[in-house]
Amino acid sequence: MAGIKIDGKEIAQSVKDRVKEAVKVLNEQNINPCLATILVGDNPASATYVRNKHKACEEVGIVTKDHKLSSNITQTELNALVDSLNKDSSVHGILVQLPLPDQLNEFVTTSRISPLKDVDGLTPYNIGLLSMKKSALIACTPSGIMEMFDFHNIDLKGKNVVLINRSNLVGKPLYHLLLERDATVINCHSKTKNLQELCQMADIIITAVGDRNKFTLTPDMIKEGSIVIDVAILRHEDKLVGDSDYDKIIQKASYATPVPGGVGPMTVAMLLKNTITAASLNTQIGKQY
């Protein structure tokens, strides 16, 4: 019997509905939540991502400010823009679309964003708070995955989780979030030995490799009734897929996410939620943060 599809579109809409109500409450207090985006260069994929984020903001009533910069901008010029947005009281969240051109340093750029406006959860300050269970602004994809677990009332306490990713955007923050829920987490990566055996013992597998030439999660690698969260998205044999084939995995798993339509929509939804949180932090309790 097939398992249950974790529908990212449905869950993302539930988050958006809550954000929309929160925007109304803030508007009543003369607070207009605002997200400023910075897009450097003309990378088509990055431009599409930014457009989608602006569209999502418009749907829930969040104001946006769009900053499109030349691909040959200097680090000093980019720093100056970030500094000005940090000081702008009408801006509550700042998002720098990654990747950046080679002459720009991503760590320097993201670290310059005020922690109170860090809607991507990438500043060292917010990452440190996350490790101490104190962060209010958390990386969007990991927090979206936790929202999926909550939507389906999946209790993580004592569950054995194999997490296949160690990036700053996904693996590392998700590791801390899972530990907060009392899961037992094995963080795997390209140098991990016996990955198949580890997956076969896992109650939950979260995979975010994104390269079928290096890794594919197949049904024989999961145990009956496990939960599979597929974060990856790539084009393979002329179609969008993740690290696994959903139609095969769902026949063995108790829950699984499809690709597309799984984790992807959650990332944008949680950006909206973070923007609302940032608006509250910047206007009400920021001094305590």
C-alpha atoms as a PDB file:
ATOM      1  CA  MET A   1       0.000   0.000   0.000  1.00  0.00           C
ATOM      2  CA  ALA A   2       1.382   3.382  -1.022  1.00  0.00           C
ATOM      3  CA  GLY A   3       2.344   5.930   1.590  1.00  0.00           C
ATOM      4  CA  ILE A   4       1.097   9.479   2.076  1.00  0.00           C
ATOM      5  CA  LYS A   5       2.298  12.297  -0.157  1.00  0.00           C
ATOM      6  CA  ILE A   6       3.654  15.301   1.742  1.00  0.00           C
ATOM      7  CA  ASP A   7       2.199  18.015  -0.455  1.00  0.00           C
ATOM      8  CA  GLY A   8       4.449  21.070  -0.263  1.00  0.00           C
ATOM      9  CA  LYS A   9       1.988  23.242  -2.173  1.00  0.00           C
ATOM     10  CA  GLU A  10      -0.793  22.564   0.324  1.00  0.00           C
ATOM     11  CA  ILE A  11       1.415  23.120   3.370  1.00  0.00           C
ATOM     12  CA  ALA A  12       2.984  26.247   1.868  1.00  0.00           C
ATOM     13  CA  GLN A  13      -0.493  27.682   1.295  1.00  0.00           C
ATOM     14  CA  SER A  14      -1.343  27.090   4.958  1.00  0.00           C
ATOM     15  CA  VAL A  15       1.769  29.084   5.913  1.00  0.00           C
ATOM     16  CA  LYS A  16       0.872  31.852   3.457  1.00  0.00           C
ATOM     17  CA  ASP A  17      -2.638  32.067   4.916  1.00  0.00           C
ATOM     18  CA  ARG A  18      -1.195  32.603   8.385  1.00  0.00           C
ATOM     19  CA  VAL A  19       1.273  35.180   7.060  1.00  0.00           C
ATOM     20  CA  LYS A  20      -1.541  37.054   5.329  1.00  0.00           C
ATOM     21  CA  GLU A  21      -3.424  37.343   8.618  1.00  0.00           C
ATOM     22  CA  ALA A  22      -0.247  38.470  10.396  1.00  0.00           C
ATOM     23  CA  VAL A  23       0.273  41.191   7.775  1.00  0.00           C
ATOM     24  CA  LYS A  24      -3.221  42.527   8.502  1.00  0.00           C
ATOM     25  CA  VAL A  25      -2.442  42.679  12.233  1.00  0.00           C
ATOM     26  CA  LEU A  26       0.812  44.530  11.581  1.00  0.00           C
ATOM     27  CA  ASN A  27      -0.901  46.907   9.139  1.00  0.00           C
ATOM     28  CA  GLU A  28      -3.365  47.820  11.888  1.00  0.00           C
ATOM     29  CA  GLN A  29      -0.350  48.944  13.931  1.00  0.00           C
ATOM     30  CA  ASN A  30       0.897  51.064  10.984  1.00  0.00           C
ATOM     31  CA  ILE A  31       3.626  48.522  10.204  1.00  0.00           C
ATOM     32  CA  ASN A  32       3.992  47.590   6.547  1.00  0.00           C
ATOM     33  CA  PRO A  33       6.269  44.526   6.352  1.00  0.00           C
ATOM     34  CA  CYS A  34       8.887  45.080   3.653  1.00  0.00           C
ATOM     35  CA  LEU A  35      11.396  42.755   1.995  1.00  0.00           C
ATOM     36  CA  ALA A  36      14.327  44.210   0.052  1.00  0.00           C
ATOM     37  CA  THR A  37      15.970  41.912  -2.497  1.00  0.00           C
ATOM     38  CA  ILE A  38      19.385  42.296  -4.104  1.00  0.00           C
ATOM     39  CA  LEU A  39      20.050  40.609  -7.442  1.00  0.00           C
ATOM     40  CA  VAL A  40      23.547  40.963  -8.893  1.00  0.00           C
ATOM     41  CA  GLY A  41      24.018  40.235 -12.579  1.00  0.00           C
ATOM     42  CA  ASP A  42      21.694  38.593 -15.087  1.00  0.00           C
ATOM     43  CA  ASN A  43      21.676  34.918 -14.119  1.00  0.00           C
ATOM     44  CA  PRO A  44      18.321  33.704 -15.537  1.00  0.00           C
ATOM     45  CA  ALA A  45      17.661  31.215 -12.749  1.00  0.00           C
ATOM     46  CA  SER A  46      18.391  33.788 -10.032  1.00  0.00           C
ATOM     47  CA  ALA A  47      16.166  36.339 -11.758  1.00  0.00           C
ATOM     48  CA  THR A  48      13.325  33.803 -11.846  1.00  0.00           C
ATOM     49  CA  TYR A  49      13.762  33.004  -8.159  1.00  0.00           C
ATOM     50  CA  VAL A  50      13.609  36.687  -7.237  1.00  0.00           C
ATOM     51  CA  ARG A  51      10.494  37.251  -9.377  1.00  0.00           C
ATOM     52  CA  ASN A  52       8.768  34.327  -7.686  1.00  0.00           C
ATOM     53  CA  LYS A  53       9.626  35.727  -4.263  1.00  0.00           C
ATOM     54  CA  HIS A  54       8.239  39.137  -5.182  1.00  0.00           C
ATOM     55  CA  LYS A  55       5.063  37.521  -6.505  1.00  0.00           C
ATOM     56  CA  ALA A  56       4.622  35.542  -3.291  1.00  0.00           C
ATOM     57  CA  CYS A  57       5.118  38.706  -1.224  1.00  0.00           C
ATOM     58  CA  GLU A  58       2.461  40.503  -3.251  1.00  0.00           C
ATOM     59  CA  GLU A  59       0.008  37.645  -2.627  1.00  0.00           C
ATOM     60  CA  VAL A  60       0.208  38.077   1.147  1.00  0.00           C
ATOM     61  CA  GLY A  61       0.566  41.859   1.305  1.00  0.00           C
ATOM     62  CA  ILE A  62       4.311  42.188   1.950  1.00  0.00           C
ATOM     63  CA  VAL A  63       5.906  45.249   0.319  1.00  0.00           C
ATOM     64  CA  THR A  64       9.036  44.623  -1.777  1.00  0.00           C
ATOM     65  CA  LYS A  65      11.965  46.744  -2.856  1.00  0.00           C
ATOM     66  CA  ASP A  66      13.896  45.356  -5.808  1.00  0.00           C
ATOM     67  CA  HIS A  67      17.598  46.158  -6.253  1.00  0.00           C
ATOM     68  CA  LYS A  68      19.093  44.914  -9.539  1.00  0.00           C
ATOM     69  CA  LEU A  69      22.829  45.489  -9.764  1.00  0.00           C
ATOM     70  CA  SER A  70      25.408  45.196 -12.525  1.00  0.00           C
ATOM     71  CA  SER A  71      27.449  42.002 -12.610  1.00  0.00           C
ATOM     72  CA  ASN A  72      30.671  44.044 -12.317  1.00  0.00           C
ATOM     73  CA  ILE A  73      29.710  45.812  -9.073  1.00  0.00           C
ATOM     74  CA  THR A  74      32.503  45.913  -6.488  1.00  0.00           C
ATOM     75  CA  GLN A  75      32.374  44.496  -2.981  1.00  0.00           C
ATOM     76  CA  THR A  76      32.638  48.030  -1.581  1.00  0.00           C
ATOM     77  CA  GLU A  77      29.602  49.152  -3.586  1.00  0.00           C
ATOM     78  CA  LEU A  78      27.574  46.122  -2.550  1.00  0.00           C
ATOM     79  CA  ASN A  79      28.544  46.633   1.093  1.00  0.00           C
ATOM     80  CA  ALA A  80      27.333  50.227   0.865  1.00  0.00           C
ATOM     81  CA  LEU A  81      23.917  49.111  -0.398  1.00  0.00           C
ATOM     82  CA  VAL A  82      23.564  46.526   2.376  1.00  0.00           C
ATOM     83  CA  ASP A  83      24.555  49.156   4.946  1.00  0.00           C
ATOM     84  CA  SER A  84      21.926  51.569   3.634  1.00  0.00           C
ATOM     85  CA  LEU A  85      19.214  48.895   3.806  1.00  0.00           C
ATOM     86  CA  ASN A  86      20.283  48.011   7.350  1.00  0.00           C
ATOM     87  CA  LYS A  87      19.678  51.649   8.313  1.00  0.00           C
ATOM     88  CA  ASP A  88      16.395  51.989   6.406  1.00  0.00           C
ATOM     89  CA  SER A  89      13.627  51.658   8.990  1.00  0.00           C
ATOM     90  CA  SER A  90      11.051  50.957   6.273  1.00  0.00           C
ATOM     91  CA  VAL A  91      12.911  47.750   5.319  1.00  0.00           C
ATOM     92  CA  HIS A  92      12.411  44.772   7.632  1.00  0.00           C
ATOM     93  CA  GLY A  93      14.059  41.967   5.686  1.00  0.00           C
ATOM     94  CA  ILE A  94      17.075  41.834   3.353  1.00  0.00           C
ATOM     95  CA  LEU A  95      17.690  39.004   0.897  1.00  0.00           C
ATOM     96  CA  VAL A  96      20.797  38.742  -1.272  1.00  0.00           C
ATOM     97  CA  GLN A  97      20.155  36.254  -4.063  1.00  0.00           C
ATOM     98  CA  LEU A  98      22.969  33.712  -4.320  1.00  0.00           C
ATOM     99  CA  PRO A  99      25.237  32.820  -6.019  1.00  0.00           C
ATOM    100  CA  LEU A 100      27.165  36.055  -6.485  1.00  0.00           C
ATOM    101  CA  PRO A 101      29.707  36.829  -9.251  1.00  0.00           C
ATOM    102  CA  ASP A 102      33.272  35.705  -8.594  1.00  0.00           C
ATOM    103  CA  GLN A 103      34.584  39.125  -7.540  1.00  0.00           C
ATOM    104  CA  LEU A 104      32.106  39.225  -4.629  1.00  0.00           C
ATOM    105  CA  ASN A 105      32.485  37.327  -1.359  1.00  0.00           C
ATOM    106  CA  GLU A 106      29.271  35.612  -0.274  1.00  0.00           C
ATOM    107  CA  PHE A 107      30.335  35.271   3.367  1.00  0.00           C
ATOM    108  CA  VAL A 108      31.346  38.929   3.625  1.00  0.00           C
ATOM    109  CA  THR A 109      28.097  40.005   1.982  1.00  0.00           C
ATOM    110  CA  THR A 110      25.668  37.898   3.995  1.00  0.00           C
ATOM    111  CA  SER A 111      27.557  38.585   7.240  1.00  0.00           C
ATOM    112  CA  ARG A 112      27.056  42.313   6.696  1.00  0.00           C
ATOM    113  CA  ILE A 113      23.253  42.012   6.847  1.00  0.00           C
ATOM    114  CA  SER A 114      21.764  43.031  10.189  1.00  0.00           C
ATOM    115  CA  PRO A 115      20.801  39.873  12.129  1.00  0.00           C
ATOM    116  CA  LEU A 116      17.397  41.504  12.698  1.00  0.00           C
ATOM    117  CA  LYS A 117      16.840  41.664   8.920  1.00  0.00           C
ATOM    118  CA  ASP A 118      18.485  38.364   8.008  1.00  0.00           C
ATOM    119  CA  VAL A 119      15.463  36.577   6.505  1.00  0.00           C
ATOM    120  CA  ASP A 120      17.695  33.856   5.012  1.00  0.00           C
ATOM    121  CA  GLY A 121      19.151  33.005   8.438  1.00  0.00           C
ATOM    122  CA  LEU A 122      22.709  33.092   7.088  1.00  0.00           C
ATOM    123  CA  THR A 123      24.506  35.576   9.331  1.00  0.00           C
ATOM    124  CA  PRO A 124      27.007  34.087  11.799  1.00  0.00           C
ATOM    125  CA  TYR A 125      24.990  35.655  14.630  1.00  0.00           C
ATOM    126  CA  ASN A 126      21.758  33.874  13.689  1.00  0.00           C
ATOM    127  CA  ILE A 127      23.540  30.611  12.958  1.00  0.00           C
ATOM    128  CA  GLY A 128      25.094  30.811  16.419  1.00  0.00           C
ATOM    129  CA  LEU A 129      21.713  31.480  17.993  1.00  0.00           C
ATOM    130  CA  LEU A 130      20.300  28.437  16.197  1.00  0.00           C
ATOM    131  CA  SER A 131      22.918  26.192  17.791  1.00  0.00           C
ATOM    132  CA  MET A 132      21.807  27.570  21.175  1.00  0.00           C
ATOM    133  CA  LYS A 133      18.081  27.063  20.421  1.00  0.00           C
ATOM    134  CA  LYS A 134      17.544  30.846  20.496  1.00  0.00           C
ATOM    135  CA  SER A 135      17.221  31.852  16.839  1.00  0.00           C
ATOM    136  CA  ALA A 136      14.098  33.615  15.571  1.00  0.00           C
ATOM    137  CA  LEU A 137      15.218  33.786  11.930  1.00  0.00           C
ATOM    138  CA  ILE A 138      16.114  30.350  10.564  1.00  0.00           C
ATOM    139  CA  ALA A 139      17.192  29.253   7.079  1.00  0.00           C
ATOM    140  CA  CYS A 140      14.041  28.846   4.993  1.00  0.00           C
ATOM    141  CA  THR A 141      14.405  25.342   3.565  1.00  0.00           C
ATOM    142  CA  PRO A 142      15.218  23.660   6.922  1.00  0.00           C
ATOM    143  CA  SER A 143      12.406  25.485   8.715  1.00  0.00           C
ATOM    144  CA  GLY A 144      10.074  24.535   5.862  1.00  0.00           C
ATOM    145  CA  ILE A 145      10.917  20.873   6.357  1.00  0.00           C
ATOM    146  CA  MET A 146      10.110  21.167  10.057  1.00  0.00           C
ATOM    147  CA  GLU A 147       6.790  22.764   9.090  1.00  0.00           C
ATOM    148  CA  MET A 148       6.061  19.681   6.972  1.00  0.00           C
ATOM    149  CA  PHE A 149       6.639  17.386   9.926  1.00  0.00           C
ATOM    150  CA  ASP A 150       4.352  19.527  12.087  1.00  0.00           C
ATOM    151  CA  PHE A 151       1.597  19.612   9.448  1.00  0.00           C
ATOM    152  CA  HIS A 152       1.450  15.811   9.461  1.00  0.00           C
ATOM    153  CA  ASN A 153       1.936  15.520  13.238  1.00  0.00           C
ATOM    154  CA  ILE A 154       5.116  13.491  12.777  1.00  0.00           C
ATOM    155  CA  ASP A 155       6.830  13.119  16.146  1.00  0.00           C
ATOM    156  CA  LEU A 156      10.610  13.213  15.749  1.00  0.00           C
ATOM    157  CA  LYS A 157      11.449  12.205  19.307  1.00  0.00           C
ATOM    158  CA  GLY A 158      13.797   9.230  19.294  1.00  0.00           C
ATOM    159  CA  LYS A 159      13.634   8.815  15.503  1.00  0.00           C
ATOM    160  CA  ASN A 160      16.799   7.815  13.664  1.00  0.00           C
ATOM    161  CA  VAL A 161      17.358  10.418  10.951  1.00  0.00           C
ATOM    162  CA  VAL A 162      19.878  10.140   8.127  1.00  0.00           C
ATOM    163  CA  LEU A 163      20.546  13.622   6.771  1.00  0.00           C
ATOM    164  CA  ILE A 164      22.465  13.598   3.480  1.00  0.00           C
ATOM    165  CA  ASN A 165      23.760  17.157   3.177  1.00  0.00           C
ATOM    166  CA  ARG A 166      26.129  19.333   5.196  1.00  0.00           C
ATOM    167  CA  SER A 167      25.692  22.738   3.523  1.00  0.00           C
ATOM    168  CA  ASN A 168      25.128  26.006   5.383  1.00  0.00           C
ATOM    169  CA  LEU A 169      21.772  26.407   3.638  1.00  0.00           C
ATOM    170  CA  VAL A 170      20.284  22.994   4.425  1.00  0.00           C
ATOM    171  CA  GLY A 171      22.254  20.345   6.277  1.00  0.00           C
ATOM    172  CA  LYS A 172      23.846  22.269   9.123  1.00  0.00           C
ATOM    173  CA  PRO A 173      20.795  24.280  10.261  1.00  0.00           C
ATOM    174  CA  LEU A 174      18.513  21.273   9.788  1.00  0.00           C
ATOM    175  CA  TYR A 175      20.819  19.193  11.970  1.00  0.00           C
ATOM    176  CA  HIS A 176      20.249  21.591  14.873  1.00  0.00           C
ATOM    177  CA  LEU A 177      16.491  21.781  14.294  1.00  0.00           C
ATOM    178  CA  LEU A 178      16.205  17.992  14.339  1.00  0.00           C
ATOM    179  CA  LEU A 179      18.266  17.751  17.521  1.00  0.00           C
ATOM    180  CA  GLU A 180      15.915  20.266  19.159  1.00  0.00           C
ATOM    181  CA  ARG A 181      13.101  17.767  18.529  1.00  0.00           C
ATOM    182  CA  ASP A 182      15.098  14.971  20.192  1.00  0.00           C
ATOM    183  CA  ALA A 183      15.841  13.084  16.982  1.00  0.00           C
ATOM    184  CA  THR A 184      19.033  11.047  16.640  1.00  0.00           C
ATOM    185  CA  VAL A 185      20.770  12.518  13.613  1.00  0.00           C
ATOM    186  CA  ILE A 186      23.499  11.049  11.429  1.00  0.00           C
ATOM    187  CA  ASN A 187      24.809  13.791   9.143  1.00  0.00           C
ATOM    188  CA  CYS A 188      26.120  12.148   5.969  1.00  0.00           C
ATOM    189  CA  HIS A 189      28.095  13.593   3.053  1.00  0.00           C
ATOM    190  CA  SER A 190      30.323  12.676   0.122  1.00  0.00           C
ATOM    191  CA  LYS A 191      32.937  11.035   2.355  1.00  0.00           C
ATOM    192  CA  THR A 192      30.476   8.954   4.401  1.00  0.00           C
ATOM    193  CA  LYS A 193      31.099   5.210   4.305  1.00  0.00           C
ATOM    194  CA  ASN A 194      28.355   2.560   4.207  1.00  0.00           C
ATOM    195  CA  LEU A 195      25.684   5.122   3.258  1.00  0.00           C
ATOM    196  CA  GLN A 196      23.300   2.471   1.975  1.00  0.00           C
ATOM    197  CA  GLU A 197      23.429   0.554   5.255  1.00  0.00           C
ATOM    198  CA  LEU A 198      22.825   3.750   7.234  1.00  0.00           C
ATOM    199  CA  CYS A 199      19.805   4.612   5.079  1.00  0.00           C
ATOM    200  CA  GLN A 200      18.356   1.129   5.521  1.00  0.00           C
ATOM    201  CA  MET A 201      18.362   1.621   9.304  1.00  0.00           C
ATOM    202  CA  ALA A 202      16.828   5.114   9.233  1.00  0.00           C
ATOM    203  CA  ASP A 203      13.305   6.018  10.293  1.00  0.00           C
ATOM    204  CA  ILE A 204      13.623   9.245   8.305  1.00  0.00           C
ATOM    205  CA  ILE A 205      15.860  10.065   5.335  1.00  0.00           C
ATOM    206  CA  ILE A 206      16.382  13.671   4.265  1.00  0.00           C
ATOM    207  CA  THR A 207      18.407  13.898   1.089  1.00  0.00           C
ATOM    208  CA  ALA A 208      19.742  16.991  -0.699  1.00  0.00           C
ATOM    209  CA  VAL A 209      22.543  15.938  -3.035  1.00  0.00           C
ATOM    210  CA  GLY A 210      21.225  17.146  -6.381  1.00  0.00           C
ATOM    211  CA  ASP A 211      23.451  15.058  -8.657  1.00  0.00           C
ATOM    212  CA  ARG A 212      22.160  11.717  -9.940  1.00  0.00           C
ATOM    213  CA  ASN A 213      25.658  10.874 -11.185  1.00  0.00           C
ATOM    214  CA  LYS A 214      26.883  10.890  -7.589  1.00  0.00           C
ATOM    215  CA  PHE A 215      23.862   9.660  -5.660  1.00  0.00           C
ATOM    216  CA  THR A 216      20.383   8.253  -6.190  1.00  0.00           C
ATOM    217  CA  LEU A 217      18.114   7.089  -3.380  1.00  0.00           C
ATOM    218  CA  THR A 218      16.498   3.854  -4.522  1.00  0.00           C
ATOM    219  CA  PRO A 219      13.726   1.820  -2.830  1.00  0.00           C
ATOM    220  CA  ASP A 220      16.157  -0.908  -1.762  1.00  0.00           C
ATOM    221  CA  MET A 221      17.996   1.709   0.332  1.00  0.00           C
ATOM    222  CA  ILE A 222      15.018   2.470   2.598  1.00  0.00           C
ATOM    223  CA  LYS A 223      13.209   0.327   5.090  1.00  0.00           C
ATOM    224  CA  GLU A 224       9.483  -0.347   4.975  1.00  0.00           C
ATOM    225  CA  GLY A 225       7.470   2.517   6.473  1.00  0.00           C
ATOM    226  CA  SER A 226      10.282   5.055   6.596  1.00  0.00           C
ATOM    227  CA  ILE A 227       9.812   8.764   5.801  1.00  0.00           C
ATOM    228  CA  VAL A 228      11.648  10.323   2.838  1.00  0.00           C
ATOM    229  CA  ILE A 229      12.129  14.074   2.431  1.00  0.00           C
ATOM    230  CA  ASP A 230      13.694  14.827  -0.965  1.00  0.00           C
ATOM    231  CA  VAL A 231      15.132  18.366  -1.002  1.00  0.00           C
ATOM    232  CA  ALA A 232      17.031  18.136  -4.290  1.00  0.00           C
ATOM    233  CA  ILE A 233      15.748  19.387  -7.624  1.00  0.00           C
ATOM    234  CA  LEU A 234      17.527  18.798 -10.928  1.00  0.00           C
ATOM    235  CA  ARG A 235      16.809  18.045 -14.551  1.00  0.00           C
ATOM    236  CA  HIS A 236      17.305  14.370 -15.360  1.00  0.00           C
ATOM    237  CA  GLU A 237      16.226  12.630 -18.578  1.00  0.00           C
ATOM    238  CA  ASP A 238      14.294  15.753 -19.635  1.00  0.00           C
ATOM    239  CA  LYS A 239      12.233  16.078 -16.463  1.00  0.00           C
ATOM    240  CA  LEU A 240      12.555  17.696 -13.023  1.00  0.00           C
ATOM    241  CA  VAL A 241      13.386  15.167 -10.319  1.00  0.00           C
ATOM    242  CA  GLY A 242      15.006  14.965  -6.916  1.00  0.00           C
ATOM    243  CA  ASP A 243      17.511  12.481  -5.509  1.00  0.00           C
ATOM    244  CA  SER A 244      14.880   9.743  -5.751  1.00  0.00           C
ATOM    245  CA  ASP A 245      11.994   8.648  -7.960  1.00  0.00           C
ATOM    246  CA  TYR A 246       8.896   9.548  -5.974  1.00  0.00           C
ATOM    247  CA  ASP A 247       6.604   7.020  -7.689  1.00  0.00           C
ATOM    248  CA  LYS A 248       8.881   4.188  -6.586  1.00  0.00           C
ATOM    249  CA  ILE A 249       9.753   5.489  -3.112  1.00  0.00           C
ATOM    250  CA  ILE A 250       6.119   6.134  -2.096  1.00  0.00           C
ATOM    251  CA  GLN A 251       5.324   2.432  -2.576  1.00  0.00           C
ATOM    252  CA  LYS A 252       7.588   1.624   0.362  1.00  0.00           C
ATOM    253  CA  ALA A 253       7.662   4.777   2.493  1.00  0.00           C
ATOM    254  CA  SER A 254       4.954   5.840   4.934  1.00  0.00           C
ATOM    255  CA  TYR A 255       5.408   9.488   3.874  1.00  0.00           C
ATOM    256  CA  ALA A 256       7.399  11.052   1.039  1.00  0.00           C
ATOM    257  CA  THR A 257       7.771  14.377  -0.741  1.00  0.00           C
ATOM    258  CA  PRO A 258       7.388  14.656  -4.523  1.00  0.00           C
ATOM    259  CA  VAL A 259       9.703  16.686  -6.755  1.00  0.00           C
ATOM    260  CA  PRO A 260       8.587  19.180  -7.883  1.00  0.00           C
ATOM    261  CA  GLY A 261       5.842  20.252  -5.477  1.00  0.00           C
ATOM    262  CA  GLY A 262       7.459  19.074  -2.258  1.00  0.00           C
ATOM    263  CA  VAL A 263      10.068  21.014  -0.329  1.00  0.00           C
ATOM    264  CA  GLY A 264      10.443  23.734  -2.991  1.00  0.00           C
ATOM    265  CA  PRO A 265       7.222  25.666  -2.264  1.00  0.00           C
ATOM    266  CA  MET A 266       8.036  25.587   1.455  1.00  0.00           C
ATOM    267  CA  THR A 267      11.235  27.603   0.990  1.00  0.00           C
ATOM    268  CA  VAL A 268       9.376  30.631  -0.381  1.00  0.00           C
ATOM    269  CA  ALA A 269       6.585  30.290   2.198  1.00  0.00           C
ATOM    270  CA  MET A 270       9.075  30.331   5.062  1.00  0.00           C
ATOM    271  CA  LEU A 271      10.774  33.402   3.576  1.00  0.00           C
ATOM    272  CA  LEU A 272       7.425  35.171   3.913  1.00  0.00           C
ATOM    273  CA  LYS A 273       7.101  33.951   7.487  1.00  0.00           C
ATOM    274  CA  ASN A 274      10.633  35.147   8.290  1.00  0.00           C
ATOM    275  CA  THR A 275       9.838  38.564   6.835  1.00  0.00           C
ATOM    276  CA  ILE A 276       6.863  38.896   9.185  1.00  0.00           C
ATOM    277  CA  THR A 277       9.037  37.790  12.091  1.00  0.00           C
ATOM    278  CA  ALA A 278      11.696  40.327  11.096  1.00  0.00           C
ATOM    279  CA  ALA A 279       9.075  43.080  10.913  1.00  0.00           C
ATOM    280  CA  SER A 280       8.082  42.278  14.490  1.00  0.00           C
ATOM    281  CA  LEU A 281      11.692  42.118  15.665  1.00  0.00           C
ATOM    282  CA  ASN A 282      12.582  45.451  14.054  1.00  0.00           C
ATOM    283  CA  THR A 283       9.560  47.345  15.333  1.00  0.00           C
ATOM    284  CA  GLN A 284       8.678  45.833  18.688  1.00  0.00           C
ATOM    285  CA  ILE A 285      11.228  43.642  20.456  1.00  0.00           C
ATOM    286  CA  GLY A 286      14.382  44.228  18.437  1.00  0.00           C
ATOM    287  CA  LYS A 287      16.272  45.659  21.370  1.00  0.00           C
ATOM    288  CA  GLN A 288      15.815  42.396  23.253  1.00  0.00           C
ATOM    289  CA  TYR A 289      17.073  40.250  20.355  1.00  0.00           C
END
